[in-house]
Amino acid sequence: MSRRFCIITVRLNFMTREGTLSPAEIGIVGGSGLYSMPGLTGIQEVALETPFGVPSDAYVLGRLEGRNVAFLARHGRGHRILPSELNFRANIHGFKQLGVERILSVSAVGSLKEEHKPLEFVMPDQFVDRTRHRVDTFFGDGVVAHIAFADPVCPQLSEVVGKACEKAKVVGKRGGTYLCMEGPQFSTKAESNLYRSWGMDVIGMTNLQEAKLAREAEICYVTIAMVTDYDCWHPHHDSVTVDQIVAVLVKNAENACNVVREAVAAMPKERSCKCGSALAHAILTDKAKIPAATKERLKLILGKHLEAQ
C-alpha cells in the first residue's frame, strides 16, 4: 500500500495584531491527510519565490502553543508532486526566508524491522541514501562548501520530540536508520531484504535531502517517522487490507497532531546544538573568487560567513 504517500498536513498561519507578518520560529513539513489542528490561531498563507524556484505549496503561518510556526505541504496540497520531483532546495530555502530555525518533518514510512510496528513513531538519527536523481546541495556555481554530516539529526530536537511522544502517549523510539529510496515504485523483496541485512530500520522517499539542505541552511532538523505498515519483506505484507491501512493512517494522523503540538509547546527558546554554526568552517572558496551572481543567490545562507572572512 502507498504508506509513504500519506504524510501529515497541518494547516498553520500567523498574523501580528498590527496585521504584519511575523517571522516563524518552527517549521513543520507534511503532506496530504489533515488540514486543521486543535490550538491553532489565525490563518495566513504566504506564497514564496526563492532563488531556487517555487516551493511545493504556499506556506501556512500560525500560532501553535504560543509559538510562531510555518507549515509546508511537502507534495503540495492534493499530493501532486512525486518524491523525485520535489524542489527540496526551494522548500528549505523558503523556511529560511521565513526565519525558521527548526524543522519538524513528519513522514510516513515502512518498517524494516519487526520491532517497529504500525502506529509507532521512530525518530531516526542516521540516513542511508539510495536515491539517484536528487539535487541536495545549495552550493556549486563557483562556491565550494563541505558541511559535517556524521550526525544528520539535531540531538536537541530529537530529545524534544521523544519526550513529546511520551506526553502524547505514542510509542516513540529515538535512534535508528532511515533508508531513503528513489521511488516512486516501492521496493522489490530482494531490495527490502538487502536493506534489512544492512540493519536499516525504516524506509521512505523524502527525508534525507531535507536533512542535508537544512544542515547547509543551519536549520535544526528532525524526522518524525510514522510507521504505517511493514515493507514487502514481511510474510504478512500482502494480507493487509485497505481498511486496515486506512485505519492506521487515520490514527497516525491523530497521533502526529498530538506529538507536534507537545513538541512545539516544549521547544526551548534557545538552540543548544551546533546546527546554527554548521557553515562556520565549511566554506573552502576564497570569497573574492565567488561569482557575484552566486553570492546574491546564497546571501541568506552565506551572508554572515562571507562577512566574517
Protein backbone atom coordinates (compact mmCIF):
# COMPACT_ATOMS: atom_id res chain seq x y z
CA MET A 1 0.00 0.00 0.00
CA SER A 2 1.10 3.61 -0.55
CA ARG A 3 2.22 4.34 3.00
CA ARG A 4 4.91 6.86 2.04
CA PHE A 5 2.19 8.91 0.35
CA CYS A 6 0.10 9.52 3.47
CA ILE A 7 2.07 12.27 5.19
CA ILE A 8 0.59 14.60 7.70
CA THR A 9 -0.65 18.07 6.75
CA VAL A 10 -1.13 20.68 9.46
CA ARG A 11 -2.53 23.97 8.22
CA LEU A 12 -0.97 26.85 10.12
CA ASN A 13 -0.75 30.63 9.94
CA PHE A 14 0.18 33.75 11.93
CA MET A 15 -0.54 37.46 11.77
CA THR A 16 0.50 40.03 14.36
CA ARG A 17 -2.05 42.36 15.95
CA GLU A 18 -0.71 45.11 13.70
CA GLY A 19 -1.55 42.98 10.66
CA THR A 20 2.05 42.39 9.58
CA LEU A 21 3.72 39.06 9.01
CA SER A 22 5.95 37.91 11.87
CA PRO A 23 8.95 35.58 11.40
CA ALA A 24 8.27 31.93 12.09
CA GLU A 25 10.37 30.01 14.61
CA ILE A 26 9.48 26.42 13.85
CA GLY A 27 8.80 24.77 10.50
CA ILE A 28 6.58 21.73 10.03
CA VAL A 29 6.79 19.63 6.87
CA GLY A 30 3.94 17.33 5.95
CA GLY A 31 1.64 16.17 3.19
CA SER A 32 -1.96 15.30 2.48
CA GLY A 33 -4.35 13.95 5.07
CA LEU A 34 -5.01 16.56 7.76
CA TYR A 35 -5.88 20.22 7.27
CA SER A 36 -6.70 21.50 10.72
CA MET A 37 -5.35 21.11 14.22
CA PRO A 38 -6.67 21.99 17.66
CA GLY A 39 -4.99 25.01 19.22
CA LEU A 40 -4.20 27.00 16.06
CA THR A 41 -4.97 30.70 15.84
CA GLY A 42 -5.40 32.83 12.72
CA ILE A 43 -4.81 31.91 9.09
CA GLN A 44 -2.43 33.40 6.54
CA GLU A 45 -0.93 31.67 3.54
CA VAL A 46 2.28 33.02 2.03
CA ALA A 47 3.34 32.09 -1.50
CA LEU A 48 7.11 32.49 -1.78
CA GLU A 49 9.59 32.56 -4.59
CA THR A 50 13.16 31.54 -3.83
CA PRO A 51 16.47 31.74 -5.73
CA PHE A 52 15.96 28.01 -6.37
CA GLY A 53 12.43 28.19 -7.73
CA VAL A 54 8.97 27.76 -6.26
CA PRO A 55 8.32 25.59 -3.16
CA SER A 56 5.81 22.75 -3.15
CA ASP A 57 2.96 24.96 -2.00
CA ALA A 58 2.18 28.14 -0.09
CA TYR A 59 3.50 28.23 3.47
CA VAL A 60 0.76 28.47 6.05
CA LEU A 61 1.73 30.51 9.10
CA GLY A 62 0.17 30.40 12.53
CA ARG A 63 0.35 30.36 16.31
CA LEU A 64 0.57 26.96 17.94
CA GLU A 65 1.06 26.58 21.68
CA GLY A 66 2.21 30.19 21.86
CA ARG A 67 4.88 29.82 19.15
CA ASN A 68 5.10 31.11 15.58
CA VAL A 69 5.16 28.20 13.15
CA ALA A 70 5.19 27.69 9.39
CA PHE A 71 3.76 24.64 7.64
CA LEU A 72 4.54 23.38 4.13
CA ALA A 73 2.76 20.52 2.35
CA ARG A 74 5.73 18.56 1.05
CA HIS A 75 3.96 17.14 -2.02
CA GLY A 76 1.58 20.09 -2.44
CA ARG A 77 -2.00 20.01 -1.29
CA GLY A 78 -3.77 17.29 -3.22
CA HIS A 79 -0.49 15.34 -3.33
CA ARG A 80 0.61 16.45 -6.81
CA ILE A 81 4.41 16.09 -6.68
CA LEU A 82 6.42 12.86 -6.85
CA PRO A 83 9.30 12.43 -4.39
CA SER A 84 11.82 12.73 -7.24
CA GLU A 85 10.10 15.91 -8.48
CA LEU A 86 10.29 17.76 -5.18
CA ASN A 87 12.19 21.03 -5.20
CA PHE A 88 13.92 20.38 -1.90
CA ARG A 89 16.12 23.46 -2.19
CA ALA A 90 13.17 25.80 -2.65
CA ASN A 91 11.28 24.17 0.22
CA ILE A 92 14.12 24.56 2.72
CA HIS A 93 15.16 28.00 1.47
CA GLY A 94 11.57 29.15 1.88
CA PHE A 95 11.66 28.17 5.54
CA LYS A 96 14.92 30.12 5.86
CA GLN A 97 13.27 33.17 4.30
CA LEU A 98 10.51 32.96 6.91
CA GLY A 99 13.02 32.94 9.77
CA VAL A 100 12.60 29.27 10.72
CA GLU A 101 15.42 27.84 12.85
CA ARG A 102 13.95 24.38 13.50
CA ILE A 103 12.09 21.92 11.28
CA LEU A 104 9.86 19.05 12.41
CA SER A 105 9.47 16.75 9.41
CA VAL A 106 6.54 14.35 9.75
CA SER A 107 6.63 11.47 7.29
CA ALA A 108 5.00 8.09 6.81
CA VAL A 109 7.41 5.16 6.45
CA GLY A 110 7.53 1.42 6.04
CA SER A 111 9.12 -0.72 8.73
CA LEU A 112 12.16 -2.88 8.01
CA LYS A 113 12.22 -4.47 11.46
CA GLU A 114 9.62 -6.49 13.31
CA GLU A 115 10.16 -4.33 16.39
CA HIS A 116 8.89 -1.17 14.63
CA LYS A 117 5.17 -1.78 14.50
CA PRO A 118 2.42 0.11 12.70
CA LEU A 119 1.17 3.08 14.80
CA GLU A 120 4.64 3.54 16.32
CA PHE A 121 6.88 6.53 15.62
CA VAL A 122 10.63 6.44 15.02
CA MET A 123 13.00 9.42 15.25
CA PRO A 124 15.97 8.14 13.22
CA ASP A 125 19.41 9.59 13.86
CA GLN A 126 21.02 8.26 10.67
CA PHE A 127 20.24 8.07 6.96
CA VAL A 128 21.40 5.95 4.02
CA ASP A 129 20.97 7.32 0.51
CA ARG A 130 19.60 5.09 -2.26
CA THR A 131 18.38 7.96 -4.46
CA ARG A 132 19.75 8.73 -7.92
CA HIS A 133 18.06 11.84 -9.31
CA ARG A 134 18.08 14.38 -6.48
CA VAL A 135 19.71 17.81 -6.15
CA ASP A 136 20.64 18.03 -2.48
CA THR A 137 23.02 20.97 -2.02
CA PHE A 138 22.78 24.74 -2.24
CA PHE A 139 26.43 25.00 -3.28
CA GLY A 140 28.26 24.89 -6.59
CA ASP A 141 28.41 27.50 -9.35
CA GLY A 142 31.65 28.90 -8.01
CA VAL A 143 31.41 28.19 -4.30
CA VAL A 144 32.54 25.01 -2.51
CA ALA A 145 31.39 24.10 0.99
CA HIS A 146 31.54 20.77 2.82
CA ILE A 147 29.35 20.53 5.90
CA ALA A 148 29.85 17.90 8.60
CA PHE A 149 27.02 15.39 8.34
CA ALA A 150 28.16 12.50 10.52
CA ASP A 151 25.22 13.19 12.83
CA PRO A 152 22.48 14.38 10.45
CA VAL A 153 19.71 14.95 13.01
CA CYS A 154 19.62 17.70 15.63
CA PRO A 155 20.03 16.00 19.04
CA GLN A 156 18.12 18.75 20.85
CA LEU A 157 15.12 18.38 18.54
CA SER A 158 15.22 14.60 18.77
CA GLU A 159 15.09 14.79 22.56
CA VAL A 160 12.18 17.24 22.46
CA VAL A 161 10.18 15.01 20.09
CA GLY A 162 10.98 11.89 22.10
CA LYS A 163 9.54 13.50 25.23
CA ALA A 164 6.59 14.81 23.22
CA CYS A 165 5.74 11.24 22.21
CA GLU A 166 5.71 10.24 25.87
CA LYS A 167 3.34 13.10 26.75
CA ALA A 168 1.11 12.26 23.80
CA LYS A 169 1.11 8.58 24.84
CA VAL A 170 2.54 7.50 21.48
CA VAL A 171 5.27 4.87 21.22
CA GLY A 172 8.22 6.93 20.00
CA LYS A 173 11.67 5.41 19.53
CA ARG A 174 14.78 7.57 19.27
CA GLY A 175 17.56 6.34 17.02
CA GLY A 176 17.79 4.05 14.02
CA THR A 177 18.46 4.47 10.32
CA TYR A 178 16.12 5.80 7.63
CA LEU A 179 16.76 4.27 4.19
CA CYS A 180 15.88 6.91 1.58
CA MET A 181 14.93 5.25 -1.71
CA GLU A 182 14.27 6.91 -5.06
CA GLY A 183 10.74 5.75 -5.77
CA PRO A 184 8.07 6.28 -6.82
CA GLN A 185 7.90 2.49 -7.00
CA PHE A 186 8.22 0.60 -3.74
CA SER A 187 10.99 -1.92 -3.09
CA THR A 188 11.28 -5.38 -4.55
CA LYS A 189 11.50 -8.16 -1.97
CA ALA A 190 15.19 -8.58 -2.84
CA GLU A 191 15.84 -4.89 -2.11
CA SER A 192 13.78 -4.96 1.07
CA ASN A 193 15.71 -7.96 2.38
CA LEU A 194 19.01 -6.33 1.37
CA TYR A 195 18.16 -3.23 3.41
CA ARG A 196 17.24 -5.43 6.35
CA SER A 197 20.62 -7.17 6.09
CA TRP A 198 22.24 -3.73 6.35
CA GLY A 199 20.39 -3.10 9.62
CA MET A 200 18.09 -0.37 8.30
CA ASP A 201 15.07 0.49 10.45
CA VAL A 202 12.56 2.31 8.26
CA ILE A 203 12.21 3.19 4.59
CA GLY A 204 10.87 6.32 2.90
CA MET A 205 11.43 8.53 -0.14
CA THR A 206 11.94 12.12 1.02
CA ASN A 207 13.72 12.97 4.23
CA LEU A 208 17.43 12.68 3.51
CA GLN A 209 17.54 15.59 1.07
CA GLU A 210 15.60 17.74 3.53
CA ALA A 211 18.10 16.88 6.27
CA LYS A 212 21.13 17.73 4.11
CA LEU A 213 19.76 21.06 2.97
CA ALA A 214 18.54 22.01 6.43
CA ARG A 215 22.06 21.47 7.75
CA GLU A 216 23.54 23.60 4.95
CA ALA A 217 20.99 26.30 5.82
CA GLU A 218 21.96 25.97 9.51
CA ILE A 219 18.43 24.92 10.45
CA CYS A 220 17.86 22.20 13.06
CA TYR A 221 16.06 19.16 11.62
CA VAL A 222 14.37 16.02 12.90
CA THR A 223 12.30 13.33 11.21
CA ILE A 224 9.16 12.04 12.92
CA ALA A 225 8.68 8.77 11.03
CA MET A 226 5.19 7.30 11.37
CA VAL A 227 5.16 3.55 10.75
CA THR A 228 2.14 2.66 8.63
CA ASP A 229 2.98 -0.94 7.74
CA TYR A 230 5.84 -3.38 7.19
CA ASP A 231 7.78 -3.21 3.94
CA CYS A 232 7.33 -6.09 1.48
CA TRP A 233 9.88 -8.33 3.27
CA HIS A 234 7.27 -9.17 5.88
CA PRO A 235 5.44 -12.50 5.34
CA HIS A 236 2.05 -10.91 6.08
CA HIS A 237 2.60 -7.81 3.93
CA ASP A 238 0.24 -8.93 1.16
CA SER A 239 -2.53 -9.91 3.57
CA VAL A 240 -3.01 -6.38 4.92
CA THR A 241 -6.36 -4.97 3.75
CA VAL A 242 -7.12 -1.46 2.54
CA ASP A 243 -9.40 -0.95 5.55
CA GLN A 244 -6.56 -1.83 7.91
CA ILE A 245 -4.18 0.58 6.19
CA VAL A 246 -6.74 3.39 6.29
CA ALA A 247 -7.36 2.81 10.00
CA VAL A 248 -3.62 3.05 10.70
CA LEU A 249 -3.29 6.21 8.62
CA VAL A 250 -6.14 7.92 10.43
CA LYS A 251 -4.76 7.04 13.84
CA ASN A 252 -1.23 8.06 12.86
CA ALA A 253 -2.57 11.43 11.75
CA GLU A 254 -4.26 11.95 15.12
CA ASN A 255 -1.14 10.90 16.99
CA ALA A 256 1.11 13.11 14.88
CA CYS A 257 -1.01 16.18 15.66
CA ASN A 258 -0.66 15.48 19.36
CA VAL A 259 3.11 14.90 19.13
CA VAL A 260 3.70 18.05 17.07
CA ARG A 261 1.65 20.12 19.50
CA GLU A 262 3.54 18.75 22.51
CA ALA A 263 6.89 19.27 20.80
CA VAL A 264 6.12 22.87 19.89
CA ALA A 265 4.90 23.58 23.42
CA ALA A 266 8.10 22.20 24.95
CA MET A 267 10.55 23.68 22.43
CA PRO A 268 13.35 25.62 24.20
CA LYS A 269 13.62 29.25 23.16
CA GLU A 270 17.36 28.97 22.55
CA ARG A 271 19.24 26.40 20.50
CA SER A 272 21.94 24.49 22.39
CA CYS A 273 23.11 22.43 19.39
CA LYS A 274 25.73 23.14 16.72
CA CYS A 275 23.30 23.23 13.79
CA GLY A 276 23.27 27.04 13.72
CA SER A 277 27.01 27.19 13.01
CA ALA A 278 27.29 24.30 10.52
CA LEU A 279 28.96 26.52 7.91
CA ALA A 280 31.48 28.14 10.23
CA HIS A 281 34.40 26.08 8.85
CA ALA A 282 32.75 24.54 5.78
CA ILE A 283 33.35 27.17 3.07
CA LEU A 284 36.57 26.49 1.17
CA THR A 285 36.30 29.02 -1.64
CA ASP A 286 38.09 32.37 -1.39
CA LYS A 287 35.23 34.86 -1.09
CA ALA A 288 36.92 37.10 -3.67
CA LYS A 289 36.59 34.25 -6.18
CA ILE A 290 32.88 33.59 -5.65
CA PRO A 291 30.86 34.92 -8.62
CA ALA A 292 28.62 37.86 -7.79
CA ALA A 293 25.53 36.02 -9.01
CA THR A 294 26.29 33.09 -6.70
CA LYS A 295 26.83 35.42 -3.75
CA GLU A 296 23.49 37.05 -4.46
CA ARG A 297 21.65 33.73 -4.74
CA LEU A 298 23.16 32.44 -1.48
CA LYS A 299 23.27 35.65 0.53
CA LEU A 300 20.65 34.44 3.01
CA ILE A 301 22.71 31.31 3.71
CA LEU A 302 26.29 32.55 3.28
CA GLY A 303 25.99 36.23 4.11
CA LYS A 304 27.22 36.24 7.71
CA HIS A 305 30.06 33.85 6.91
CA LEU A 306 31.35 35.82 3.93
CA GLU A 307 31.33 38.97 6.01
CA ALA A 308 33.33 37.21 8.72
CA GLN A 309 36.09 36.01 6.38
